[in-house]
Amino acid sequence: MISREFRRFFSALASMFGLAATSAAQAQAVAGGDPAGSGPIVAALGWLQGTLLGNVATAVAVMAVAAVGFMMLTGRMNWRFGATVIIGCFVLFGAGAIVSGIQSAAAG
């Protein structure tokens, strides 16, 4: 029963991380300037990115890694799933650097 509850928690966590990574990539995809009339939308996405990559994401990531570590320690979780959660945290917080690296590689 506990593992089912944690699976729900981690799938909700993963969907939130996916949303954050998608909004960060979309916010950085516009290189030549913003289209006309998109000021409020860009501001809202910037706020969402700042919120999800700031204190909220840090707190959730710390709790997720702690939960994964505890469940791995007690033998209740698959090691591959735990590693996926931890790698997902690295991708979430490194999304800006990853996108910048891809853009610089494509330009040069």
PDB file of N, CA and C in Angstrom:
ATOM      1  N   MET A   1       0.812  -1.198   0.000  1.00  0.00           N
ATOM      2  CA  MET A   1       0.000   0.000   0.000  1.00  0.00           C
ATOM      3  C   MET A   1       0.849   1.253   0.000  1.00  0.00           C
ATOM      4  N   ILE A   2       1.927   1.249   0.746  1.00  0.00           N
ATOM      5  CA  ILE A   2       2.768   2.433   0.806  1.00  0.00           C
ATOM      6  C   ILE A   2       3.392   2.711  -0.540  1.00  0.00           C
ATOM      7  N   SER A   3       3.830   1.672  -1.244  1.00  0.00           N
ATOM      8  CA  SER A   3       4.475   1.896  -2.530  1.00  0.00           C
ATOM      9  C   SER A   3       3.499   2.492  -3.539  1.00  0.00           C
ATOM     10  N   ARG A   4       2.221   2.144  -3.468  1.00  0.00           N
ATOM     11  CA  ARG A   4       1.231   2.708  -4.381  1.00  0.00           C
ATOM     12  C   ARG A   4       1.056   4.208  -4.133  1.00  0.00           C
ATOM     13  N   GLU A   5       1.055   4.601  -2.870  1.00  0.00           N
ATOM     14  CA  GLU A   5       0.932   6.015  -2.537  1.00  0.00           C
ATOM     15  C   GLU A   5       2.159   6.793  -3.000  1.00  0.00           C
ATOM     16  N   PHE A   6       3.340   6.209  -2.824  1.00  0.00           N
ATOM     17  CA  PHE A   6       4.555   6.878  -3.265  1.00  0.00           C
ATOM     18  C   PHE A   6       4.623   6.947  -4.787  1.00  0.00           C
ATOM     19  N   ARG A   7       4.112   5.934  -5.475  1.00  0.00           N
ATOM     20  CA  ARG A   7       4.082   5.997  -6.945  1.00  0.00           C
ATOM     21  C   ARG A   7       3.211   7.149  -7.408  1.00  0.00           C
ATOM     22  N   ARG A   8       2.051   7.340  -6.779  1.00  0.00           N
ATOM     23  CA  ARG A   8       1.194   8.473  -7.120  1.00  0.00           C
ATOM     24  C   ARG A   8       1.910   9.792  -6.857  1.00  0.00           C
ATOM     25  N   PHE A   9       2.575   9.863  -5.706  1.00  0.00           N
ATOM     26  CA  PHE A   9       3.300  11.088  -5.354  1.00  0.00           C
ATOM     27  C   PHE A   9       4.393  11.375  -6.371  1.00  0.00           C
ATOM     28  N   PHE A  10       5.184  10.352  -6.733  1.00  0.00           N
ATOM     29  CA  PHE A  10       6.282  10.579  -7.656  1.00  0.00           C
ATOM     30  C   PHE A  10       5.799  10.828  -9.078  1.00  0.00           C
ATOM     31  N   SER A  11       4.695  10.240  -9.495  1.00  0.00           N
ATOM     32  CA  SER A  11       4.182  10.542 -10.828  1.00  0.00           C
ATOM     33  C   SER A  11       3.651  11.967 -10.887  1.00  0.00           C
ATOM     34  N   ALA A  12       3.027  12.441  -9.812  1.00  0.00           N
ATOM     35  CA  ALA A  12       2.605  13.840  -9.775  1.00  0.00           C
ATOM     36  C   ALA A  12       3.815  14.758  -9.748  1.00  0.00           C
ATOM     37  N   LEU A  13       4.840  14.369  -9.040  1.00  0.00           N
ATOM     38  CA  LEU A  13       6.069  15.147  -8.977  1.00  0.00           C
ATOM     39  C   LEU A  13       6.747  15.195 -10.344  1.00  0.00           C
ATOM     40  N   ALA A  14       6.792  14.062 -11.020  1.00  0.00           N
ATOM     41  CA  ALA A  14       7.411  14.015 -12.343  1.00  0.00           C
ATOM     42  C   ALA A  14       6.637  14.858 -13.349  1.00  0.00           C
ATOM     43  N   SER A  15       5.302  14.845 -13.260  1.00  0.00           N
ATOM     44  CA  SER A  15       4.529  15.673 -14.186  1.00  0.00           C
ATOM     45  C   SER A  15       4.754  17.148 -13.913  1.00  0.00           C
ATOM     46  N   MET A  16       4.933  17.519 -12.647  1.00  0.00           N
ATOM     47  CA  MET A  16       5.225  18.916 -12.331  1.00  0.00           C
ATOM     48  C   MET A  16       6.600  19.295 -12.860  1.00  0.00           C
ATOM     49  N   PHE A  17       7.596  18.393 -12.723  1.00  0.00           N
ATOM     50  CA  PHE A  17       8.924  18.683 -13.227  1.00  0.00           C
ATOM     51  C   PHE A  17       8.903  18.781 -14.745  1.00  0.00           C
ATOM     52  N   GLY A  18       8.135  17.934 -15.390  1.00  0.00           N
ATOM     53  CA  GLY A  18       8.019  18.014 -16.845  1.00  0.00           C
ATOM     54  C   GLY A  18       7.430  19.333 -17.288  1.00  0.00           C
ATOM     55  N   LEU A  19       6.435  19.826 -16.550  1.00  0.00           N
ATOM     56  CA  LEU A  19       5.839  21.116 -16.858  1.00  0.00           C
ATOM     57  C   LEU A  19       6.856  22.226 -16.704  1.00  0.00           C
ATOM     58  N   ALA A  20       7.677  22.154 -15.670  1.00  0.00           N
ATOM     59  CA  ALA A  20       8.682  23.195 -15.443  1.00  0.00           C
ATOM     60  C   ALA A  20       9.733  23.183 -16.542  1.00  0.00           C
ATOM     61  N   ALA A  21      10.182  22.006 -16.935  1.00  0.00           N
ATOM     62  CA  ALA A  21      11.198  21.925 -17.974  1.00  0.00           C
ATOM     63  C   ALA A  21      10.645  22.402 -19.310  1.00  0.00           C
ATOM     64  N   THR A  22       9.377  22.088 -19.593  1.00  0.00           N
ATOM     65  CA  THR A  22       8.770  22.523 -20.838  1.00  0.00           C
ATOM     66  C   THR A  22       8.620  24.032 -20.874  1.00  0.00           C
ATOM     67  N   SER A  23       8.173  24.638 -19.785  1.00  0.00           N
ATOM     68  CA  SER A  23       8.000  26.083 -19.794  1.00  0.00           C
ATOM     69  C   SER A  23       9.343  26.790 -19.893  1.00  0.00           C
ATOM     70  N   ALA A  24      10.391  26.235 -19.291  1.00  0.00           N
ATOM     71  CA  ALA A  24      11.703  26.849 -19.386  1.00  0.00           C
ATOM     72  C   ALA A  24      12.222  26.785 -20.814  1.00  0.00           C
ATOM     73  N   ALA A  25      12.026  25.654 -21.479  1.00  0.00           N
ATOM     74  CA  ALA A  25      12.493  25.525 -22.852  1.00  0.00           C
ATOM     75  C   ALA A  25      11.699  26.429 -23.785  1.00  0.00           C
ATOM     76  N   GLN A  26      10.399  26.535 -23.572  1.00  0.00           N
ATOM     77  CA  GLN A  26       9.596  27.396 -24.424  1.00  0.00           C
ATOM     78  C   GLN A  26       9.919  28.863 -24.193  1.00  0.00           C
ATOM     79  N   ALA A  27      10.244  29.228 -22.971  1.00  0.00           N
ATOM     80  CA  ALA A  27      10.563  30.622 -22.685  1.00  0.00           C
ATOM     81  C   ALA A  27      11.886  31.017 -23.316  1.00  0.00           C
ATOM     82  N   GLN A  28      12.797  30.081 -23.501  1.00  0.00           N
ATOM     83  CA  GLN A  28      14.091  30.385 -24.079  1.00  0.00           C
ATOM     84  C   GLN A  28      14.122  30.170 -25.580  1.00  0.00           C
ATOM     85  N   ALA A  29      13.073  29.603 -26.158  1.00  0.00           N
ATOM     86  CA  ALA A  29      13.085  29.280 -27.576  1.00  0.00           C
ATOM     87  C   ALA A  29      12.998  30.521 -28.452  1.00  0.00           C
ATOM     88  N   VAL A  30      12.443  31.602 -27.958  1.00  0.00           N
ATOM     89  CA  VAL A  30      12.293  32.821 -28.747  1.00  0.00           C
ATOM     90  C   VAL A  30      13.610  33.575 -28.685  1.00  0.00           C
ATOM     91  N   ALA A  31      14.341  33.608 -29.810  1.00  0.00           N
ATOM     92  CA  ALA A  31      15.660  34.229 -29.797  1.00  0.00           C
ATOM     93  C   ALA A  31      15.635  35.646 -30.355  1.00  0.00           C
ATOM     94  N   GLY A  32      14.790  35.926 -31.340  1.00  0.00           N
ATOM     95  CA  GLY A  32      14.820  37.208 -32.023  1.00  0.00           C
ATOM     96  C   GLY A  32      13.945  38.268 -31.387  1.00  0.00           C
ATOM     97  N   GLY A  33      13.370  38.028 -30.265  1.00  0.00           N
ATOM     98  CA  GLY A  33      12.472  38.982 -29.634  1.00  0.00           C
ATOM     99  C   GLY A  33      11.091  38.394 -29.496  1.00  0.00           C
ATOM    100  N   ASP A  34      10.270  39.073 -28.741  1.00  0.00           N
ATOM    101  CA  ASP A  34       8.927  38.573 -28.496  1.00  0.00           C
ATOM    102  C   ASP A  34       7.974  39.070 -29.567  1.00  0.00           C
ATOM    103  N   PRO A  35       6.983  38.256 -29.941  1.00  0.00           N
ATOM    104  CA  PRO A  35       5.983  38.703 -30.902  1.00  0.00           C
ATOM    105  C   PRO A  35       5.140  39.841 -30.322  1.00  0.00           C
ATOM    106  N   ALA A  36       4.525  40.600 -31.186  1.00  0.00           N
ATOM    107  CA  ALA A  36       3.699  41.724 -30.746  1.00  0.00           C
ATOM    108  C   ALA A  36       2.527  41.230 -29.906  1.00  0.00           C
ATOM    109  N   GLY A  37       2.267  41.926 -28.807  1.00  0.00           N
ATOM    110  CA  GLY A  37       1.139  41.588 -27.952  1.00  0.00           C
ATOM    111  C   GLY A  37       1.368  40.437 -27.011  1.00  0.00           C
ATOM    112  N   SER A  38       2.588  39.936 -26.909  1.00  0.00           N
ATOM    113  CA  SER A  38       2.841  38.774 -26.055  1.00  0.00           C
ATOM    114  C   SER A  38       3.429  39.159 -24.705  1.00  0.00           C
ATOM    115  N   GLY A  39       3.434  40.424 -24.375  1.00  0.00           N
ATOM    116  CA  GLY A  39       4.025  40.890 -23.121  1.00  0.00           C
ATOM    117  C   GLY A  39       3.446  40.224 -21.883  1.00  0.00           C
ATOM    118  N   PRO A  40       2.127  40.198 -21.707  1.00  0.00           N
ATOM    119  CA  PRO A  40       1.571  39.547 -20.512  1.00  0.00           C
ATOM    120  C   PRO A  40       1.831  38.042 -20.475  1.00  0.00           C
ATOM    121  N   ILE A  41       1.825  37.404 -21.638  1.00  0.00           N
ATOM    122  CA  ILE A  41       2.055  35.958 -21.687  1.00  0.00           C
ATOM    123  C   ILE A  41       3.498  35.651 -21.312  1.00  0.00           C
ATOM    124  N   VAL A  42       4.427  36.432 -21.861  1.00  0.00           N
ATOM    125  CA  VAL A  42       5.842  36.220 -21.552  1.00  0.00           C
ATOM    126  C   VAL A  42       6.107  36.498 -20.071  1.00  0.00           C
ATOM    127  N   ALA A  43       5.464  37.540 -19.537  1.00  0.00           N
ATOM    128  CA  ALA A  43       5.626  37.844 -18.113  1.00  0.00           C
ATOM    129  C   ALA A  43       5.068  36.718 -17.244  1.00  0.00           C
ATOM    130  N   ALA A  44       3.917  36.163 -17.630  1.00  0.00           N
ATOM    131  CA  ALA A  44       3.323  35.059 -16.864  1.00  0.00           C
ATOM    132  C   ALA A  44       4.210  33.819 -16.918  1.00  0.00           C
ATOM    133  N   LEU A  45       4.763  33.511 -18.097  1.00  0.00           N
ATOM    134  CA  LEU A  45       5.654  32.357 -18.204  1.00  0.00           C
ATOM    135  C   LEU A  45       6.946  32.581 -17.427  1.00  0.00           C
ATOM    136  N   GLY A  46       7.437  33.815 -17.424  1.00  0.00           N
ATOM    137  CA  GLY A  46       8.619  34.126 -16.630  1.00  0.00           C
ATOM    138  C   GLY A  46       8.364  33.953 -15.145  1.00  0.00           C
ATOM    139  N   TRP A  47       7.192  34.379 -14.695  1.00  0.00           N
ATOM    140  CA  TRP A  47       6.824  34.196 -13.293  1.00  0.00           C
ATOM    141  C   TRP A  47       6.706  32.713 -12.954  1.00  0.00           C
ATOM    142  N   LEU A  48       6.057  31.940 -13.853  1.00  0.00           N
ATOM    143  CA  LEU A  48       5.898  30.502 -13.637  1.00  0.00           C
ATOM    144  C   LEU A  48       7.256  29.811 -13.588  1.00  0.00           C
ATOM    145  N   GLN A  49       8.147  30.189 -14.486  1.00  0.00           N
ATOM    146  CA  GLN A  49       9.479  29.601 -14.500  1.00  0.00           C
ATOM    147  C   GLN A  49      10.235  29.945 -13.221  1.00  0.00           C
ATOM    148  N   GLY A  50      10.163  31.188 -12.806  1.00  0.00           N
ATOM    149  CA  GLY A  50      10.835  31.591 -11.571  1.00  0.00           C
ATOM    150  C   GLY A  50      10.285  30.874 -10.352  1.00  0.00           C
ATOM    151  N   THR A  51       8.975  30.675 -10.327  1.00  0.00           N
ATOM    152  CA  THR A  51       8.351  29.985  -9.197  1.00  0.00           C
ATOM    153  C   THR A  51       8.723  28.510  -9.178  1.00  0.00           C
ATOM    154  N   LEU A  52       8.624  27.856 -10.326  1.00  0.00           N
ATOM    155  CA  LEU A  52       8.871  26.420 -10.372  1.00  0.00           C
ATOM    156  C   LEU A  52      10.351  26.070 -10.276  1.00  0.00           C
ATOM    157  N   LEU A  53      11.223  26.965 -10.687  1.00  0.00           N
ATOM    158  CA  LEU A  53      12.653  26.677 -10.595  1.00  0.00           C
ATOM    159  C   LEU A  53      13.290  27.316  -9.364  1.00  0.00           C
ATOM    160  N   GLY A  54      12.495  27.996  -8.567  1.00  0.00           N
ATOM    161  CA  GLY A  54      13.026  28.664  -7.382  1.00  0.00           C
ATOM    162  C   GLY A  54      12.851  27.818  -6.138  1.00  0.00           C
ATOM    163  N   ASN A  55      12.291  28.423  -5.123  1.00  0.00           N
ATOM    164  CA  ASN A  55      12.157  27.763  -3.826  1.00  0.00           C
ATOM    165  C   ASN A  55      11.217  26.567  -3.867  1.00  0.00           C
ATOM    166  N   VAL A  56      10.168  26.644  -4.674  1.00  0.00           N
ATOM    167  CA  VAL A  56       9.201  25.533  -4.744  1.00  0.00           C
ATOM    168  C   VAL A  56       9.874  24.278  -5.283  1.00  0.00           C
ATOM    169  N   ALA A  57      10.573  24.421  -6.397  1.00  0.00           N
ATOM    170  CA  ALA A  57      11.223  23.260  -6.998  1.00  0.00           C
ATOM    171  C   ALA A  57      12.335  22.726  -6.102  1.00  0.00           C
ATOM    172  N   THR A  58      13.052  23.609  -5.461  1.00  0.00           N
ATOM    173  CA  THR A  58      14.127  23.163  -4.577  1.00  0.00           C
ATOM    174  C   THR A  58      13.566  22.362  -3.403  1.00  0.00           C
ATOM    175  N   ALA A  59      12.505  22.852  -2.800  1.00  0.00           N
ATOM    176  CA  ALA A  59      11.907  22.141  -1.665  1.00  0.00           C
ATOM    177  C   ALA A  59      11.347  20.787  -2.095  1.00  0.00           C
ATOM    178  N   VAL A  60      10.656  20.753  -3.223  1.00  0.00           N
ATOM    179  CA  VAL A  60      10.079  19.494  -3.704  1.00  0.00           C
ATOM    180  C   VAL A  60      11.177  18.508  -4.090  1.00  0.00           C
ATOM    181  N   ALA A  61      12.241  19.010  -4.720  1.00  0.00           N
ATOM    182  CA  ALA A  61      13.336  18.119  -5.114  1.00  0.00           C
ATOM    183  C   ALA A  61      14.043  17.543  -3.893  1.00  0.00           C
ATOM    184  N   VAL A  62      14.230  18.345  -2.871  1.00  0.00           N
ATOM    185  CA  VAL A  62      14.869  17.847  -1.649  1.00  0.00           C
ATOM    186  C   VAL A  62      13.999  16.763  -1.015  1.00  0.00           C
ATOM    187  N   MET A  63      12.691  16.995  -0.959  1.00  0.00           N
ATOM    188  CA  MET A  63      11.796  15.984  -0.383  1.00  0.00           C
ATOM    189  C   MET A  63      11.772  14.718  -1.234  1.00  0.00           C
ATOM    190  N   ALA A  64      11.794  14.871  -2.561  1.00  0.00           N
ATOM    191  CA  ALA A  64      11.760  13.707  -3.443  1.00  0.00           C
ATOM    192  C   ALA A  64      13.024  12.877  -3.300  1.00  0.00           C
ATOM    193  N   VAL A  65      14.177  13.534  -3.291  1.00  0.00           N
ATOM    194  CA  VAL A  65      15.435  12.798  -3.153  1.00  0.00           C
ATOM    195  C   VAL A  65      15.518  12.135  -1.777  1.00  0.00           C
ATOM    196  N   ALA A  66      15.059  12.817  -0.747  1.00  0.00           N
ATOM    197  CA  ALA A  66      15.055  12.220   0.589  1.00  0.00           C
ATOM    198  C   ALA A  66      14.130  11.009   0.642  1.00  0.00           C
ATOM    199  N   ALA A  67      12.949  11.112   0.047  1.00  0.00           N
ATOM    200  CA  ALA A  67      12.012   9.984   0.031  1.00  0.00           C
ATOM    201  C   ALA A  67      12.571   8.816  -0.762  1.00  0.00           C
ATOM    202  N   VAL A  68      13.185   9.110  -1.910  1.00  0.00           N
ATOM    203  CA  VAL A  68      13.784   8.044  -2.715  1.00  0.00           C
ATOM    204  C   VAL A  68      14.915   7.374  -1.946  1.00  0.00           C
ATOM    205  N   GLY A  69      15.754   8.177  -1.308  1.00  0.00           N
ATOM    206  CA  GLY A  69      16.855   7.614  -0.529  1.00  0.00           C
ATOM    207  C   GLY A  69      16.369   6.741   0.613  1.00  0.00           C
ATOM    208  N   PHE A  70      15.336   7.202   1.307  1.00  0.00           N
ATOM    209  CA  PHE A  70      14.790   6.405   2.410  1.00  0.00           C
ATOM    210  C   PHE A  70      14.177   5.109   1.904  1.00  0.00           C
ATOM    211  N   MET A  71      13.427   5.187   0.810  1.00  0.00           N
ATOM    212  CA  MET A  71      12.797   3.971   0.287  1.00  0.00           C
ATOM    213  C   MET A  71      13.829   3.003  -0.269  1.00  0.00           C
ATOM    214  N   MET A  72      14.899   3.522  -0.884  1.00  0.00           N
ATOM    215  CA  MET A  72      15.971   2.637  -1.340  1.00  0.00           C
ATOM    216  C   MET A  72      16.687   1.996  -0.158  1.00  0.00           C
ATOM    217  N   LEU A  73      16.896   2.769   0.892  1.00  0.00           N
ATOM    218  CA  LEU A  73      17.577   2.271   2.078  1.00  0.00           C
ATOM    219  C   LEU A  73      16.799   1.140   2.741  1.00  0.00           C
ATOM    220  N   THR A  74      15.478   1.252   2.750  1.00  0.00           N
ATOM    221  CA  THR A  74      14.656   0.219   3.374  1.00  0.00           C
ATOM    222  C   THR A  74      14.302  -0.912   2.422  1.00  0.00           C
ATOM    223  N   GLY A  75      14.709  -0.809   1.162  1.00  0.00           N
ATOM    224  CA  GLY A  75      14.466  -1.879   0.202  1.00  0.00           C
ATOM    225  C   GLY A  75      13.068  -1.901  -0.375  1.00  0.00           C
ATOM    226  N   ARG A  76      12.382  -0.793  -0.376  1.00  0.00           N
ATOM    227  CA  ARG A  76      11.006  -0.746  -0.870  1.00  0.00           C
ATOM    228  C   ARG A  76      10.879  -0.178  -2.278  1.00  0.00           C
ATOM    229  N   MET A  77      11.989   0.229  -2.894  1.00  0.00           N
ATOM    230  CA  MET A  77      11.887   0.867  -4.193  1.00  0.00           C
ATOM    231  C   MET A  77      12.871   0.244  -5.178  1.00  0.00           C
ATOM    232  N   ASN A  78      12.476   0.245  -6.423  1.00  0.00           N
ATOM    233  CA  ASN A  78      13.339  -0.198  -7.498  1.00  0.00           C
ATOM    234  C   ASN A  78      14.466   0.828  -7.668  1.00  0.00           C
ATOM    235  N   TRP A  79      15.700   0.375  -7.759  1.00  0.00           N
ATOM    236  CA  TRP A  79      16.843   1.279  -7.873  1.00  0.00           C
ATOM    237  C   TRP A  79      16.793   2.092  -9.155  1.00  0.00           C
ATOM    238  N   ARG A  80      16.306   1.500 -10.216  1.00  0.00           N
ATOM    239  CA  ARG A  80      16.247   2.204 -11.504  1.00  0.00           C
ATOM    240  C   ARG A  80      15.260   3.369 -11.425  1.00  0.00           C
ATOM    241  N   PHE A  81      14.125   3.173 -10.772  1.00  0.00           N
ATOM    242  CA  PHE A  81      13.150   4.263 -10.628  1.00  0.00           C
ATOM    243  C   PHE A  81      13.712   5.387  -9.760  1.00  0.00           C
ATOM    244  N   GLY A  82      14.417   5.031  -8.719  1.00  0.00           N
ATOM    245  CA  GLY A  82      15.040   6.042  -7.862  1.00  0.00           C
ATOM    246  C   GLY A  82      16.083   6.846  -8.607  1.00  0.00           C
ATOM    247  N   ALA A  83      16.887   6.171  -9.412  1.00  0.00           N
ATOM    248  CA  ALA A  83      17.887   6.885 -10.213  1.00  0.00           C
ATOM    249  C   ALA A  83      17.218   7.799 -11.228  1.00  0.00           C
ATOM    250  N   THR A  84      16.081   7.374 -11.768  1.00  0.00           N
ATOM    251  CA  THR A  84      15.351   8.213 -12.716  1.00  0.00           C
ATOM    252  C   THR A  84      14.862   9.496 -12.059  1.00  0.00           C
ATOM    253  N   VAL A  85      14.385   9.408 -10.840  1.00  0.00           N
ATOM    254  CA  VAL A  85      13.930  10.603 -10.116  1.00  0.00           C
ATOM    255  C   VAL A  85      15.097  11.553  -9.879  1.00  0.00           C
ATOM    256  N   ILE A  86      16.226  11.026  -9.479  1.00  0.00           N
ATOM    257  CA  ILE A  86      17.384  11.868  -9.190  1.00  0.00           C
ATOM    258  C   ILE A  86      17.923  12.500 -10.473  1.00  0.00           C
ATOM    259  N   ILE A  87      17.985  11.752 -11.558  1.00  0.00           N
ATOM    260  CA  ILE A  87      18.424  12.313 -12.842  1.00  0.00           C
ATOM    261  C   ILE A  87      17.434  13.367 -13.321  1.00  0.00           C
ATOM    262  N   GLY A  88      16.144  13.142 -13.084  1.00  0.00           N
ATOM    263  CA  GLY A  88      15.135  14.140 -13.442  1.00  0.00           C
ATOM    264  C   GLY A  88      15.348  15.459 -12.723  1.00  0.00           C
ATOM    265  N   CYS A  89      15.774  15.403 -11.472  1.00  0.00           N
ATOM    266  CA  CYS A  89      16.087  16.631 -10.727  1.00  0.00           C
ATOM    267  C   CYS A  89      17.261  17.362 -11.361  1.00  0.00           C
ATOM    268  N   PHE A  90      18.283  16.615 -11.773  1.00  0.00           N
ATOM    269  CA  PHE A  90      19.420  17.247 -12.443  1.00  0.00           C
ATOM    270  C   PHE A  90      18.995  17.901 -13.749  1.00  0.00           C
ATOM    271  N   VAL A  91      18.146  17.239 -14.505  1.00  0.00           N
ATOM    272  CA  VAL A  91      17.678  17.813 -15.770  1.00  0.00           C
ATOM    273  C   VAL A  91      16.829  19.049 -15.518  1.00  0.00           C
ATOM    274  N   LEU A  92      15.985  19.006 -14.499  1.00  0.00           N
ATOM    275  CA  LEU A  92      15.133  20.152 -14.185  1.00  0.00           C
ATOM    276  C   LEU A  92      15.969  21.385 -13.874  1.00  0.00           C
ATOM    277  N   PHE A  93      16.932  21.248 -12.972  1.00  0.00           N
ATOM    278  CA  PHE A  93      17.704  22.406 -12.562  1.00  0.00           C
ATOM    279  C   PHE A  93      18.773  22.783 -13.582  1.00  0.00           C
ATOM    280  N   GLY A  94      19.135  21.875 -14.461  1.00  0.00           N
ATOM    281  CA  GLY A  94      20.116  22.179 -15.495  1.00  0.00           C
ATOM    282  C   GLY A  94      19.500  22.494 -16.837  1.00  0.00           C
ATOM    283  N   ALA A  95      18.180  22.681 -16.882  1.00  0.00           N
ATOM    284  CA  ALA A  95      17.495  22.904 -18.164  1.00  0.00           C
ATOM    285  C   ALA A  95      18.025  24.139 -18.881  1.00  0.00           C
ATOM    286  N   GLY A  96      18.270  25.202 -18.174  1.00  0.00           N
ATOM    287  CA  GLY A  96      18.790  26.421 -18.816  1.00  0.00           C
ATOM    288  C   GLY A  96      20.149  26.192 -19.452  1.00  0.00           C
ATOM    289  N   ALA A  97      21.036  25.515 -18.739  1.00  0.00           N
ATOM    290  CA  ALA A  97      22.368  25.233 -19.273  1.00  0.00           C
ATOM    291  C   ALA A  97      22.299  24.260 -20.447  1.00  0.00           C
ATOM    292  N   ILE A  98      21.402  23.294 -20.378  1.00  0.00           N
ATOM    293  CA  ILE A  98      21.252  22.326 -21.458  1.00  0.00           C
ATOM    294  C   ILE A  98      20.770  23.015 -22.729  1.00  0.00           C
ATOM    295  N   VAL A  99      19.762  23.865 -22.596  1.00  0.00           N
ATOM    296  CA  VAL A  99      19.227  24.574 -23.766  1.00  0.00           C
ATOM    297  C   VAL A  99      20.267  25.534 -24.329  1.00  0.00           C
ATOM    298  N   SER A 100      20.999  26.229 -23.467  1.00  0.00           N
ATOM    299  CA  SER A 100      22.048  27.143 -23.944  1.00  0.00           C
ATOM    300  C   SER A 100      23.138  26.387 -24.691  1.00  0.00           C
ATOM    301  N   GLY A 101      23.505  25.220 -24.190  1.00  0.00           N
ATOM    302  CA  GLY A 101      24.506  24.408 -24.864  1.00  0.00           C
ATOM    303  C   GLY A 101      24.043  23.920 -26.225  1.00  0.00           C
ATOM    304  N   ILE A 102      22.779  23.521 -26.320  1.00  0.00           N
ATOM    305  CA  ILE A 102      22.230  23.081 -27.601  1.00  0.00           C
ATOM    306  C   ILE A 102      22.169  24.231 -28.589  1.00  0.00           C
ATOM    307  N   GLN A 103      21.744  25.412 -28.118  1.00  0.00           N
ATOM    308  CA  GLN A 103      21.670  26.578 -28.996  1.00  0.00           C
ATOM    309  C   GLN A 103      23.059  27.002 -29.478  1.00  0.00           C
ATOM    310  N   SER A 104      24.060  26.973 -28.616  1.00  0.00           N
ATOM    311  CA  SER A 104      25.405  27.366 -29.038  1.00  0.00           C
ATOM    312  C   SER A 104      26.008  26.335 -29.993  1.00  0.00           C
ATOM    313  N   ALA A 105      25.686  25.064 -29.796  1.00  0.00           N
ATOM    314  CA  ALA A 105      26.177  24.026 -30.703  1.00  0.00           C
ATOM    315  C   ALA A 105      25.502  24.152 -32.078  1.00  0.00           C
ATOM    316  N   ALA A 106      24.233  24.518 -32.086  1.00  0.00           N
ATOM    317  CA  ALA A 106      23.522  24.658 -33.366  1.00  0.00           C
ATOM    318  C   ALA A 106      23.973  25.901 -34.114  1.00  0.00           C
ATOM    319  N   ALA A 107      24.339  26.964 -33.382  1.00  0.00           N
ATOM    320  CA  ALA A 107      24.761  28.201 -34.032  1.00  0.00           C
ATOM    321  C   ALA A 107      26.197  28.107 -34.543  1.00  0.00           C
ATOM    322  N   GLY A 108      27.022  27.348 -33.887  1.00  0.00           N
ATOM    323  CA  GLY A 108      28.448  27.318 -34.260  1.00  0.00           C
ATOM    324  C   GLY A 108      28.815  26.086 -34.928  1.00  0.00           C
TER     325      GLY A 108
END
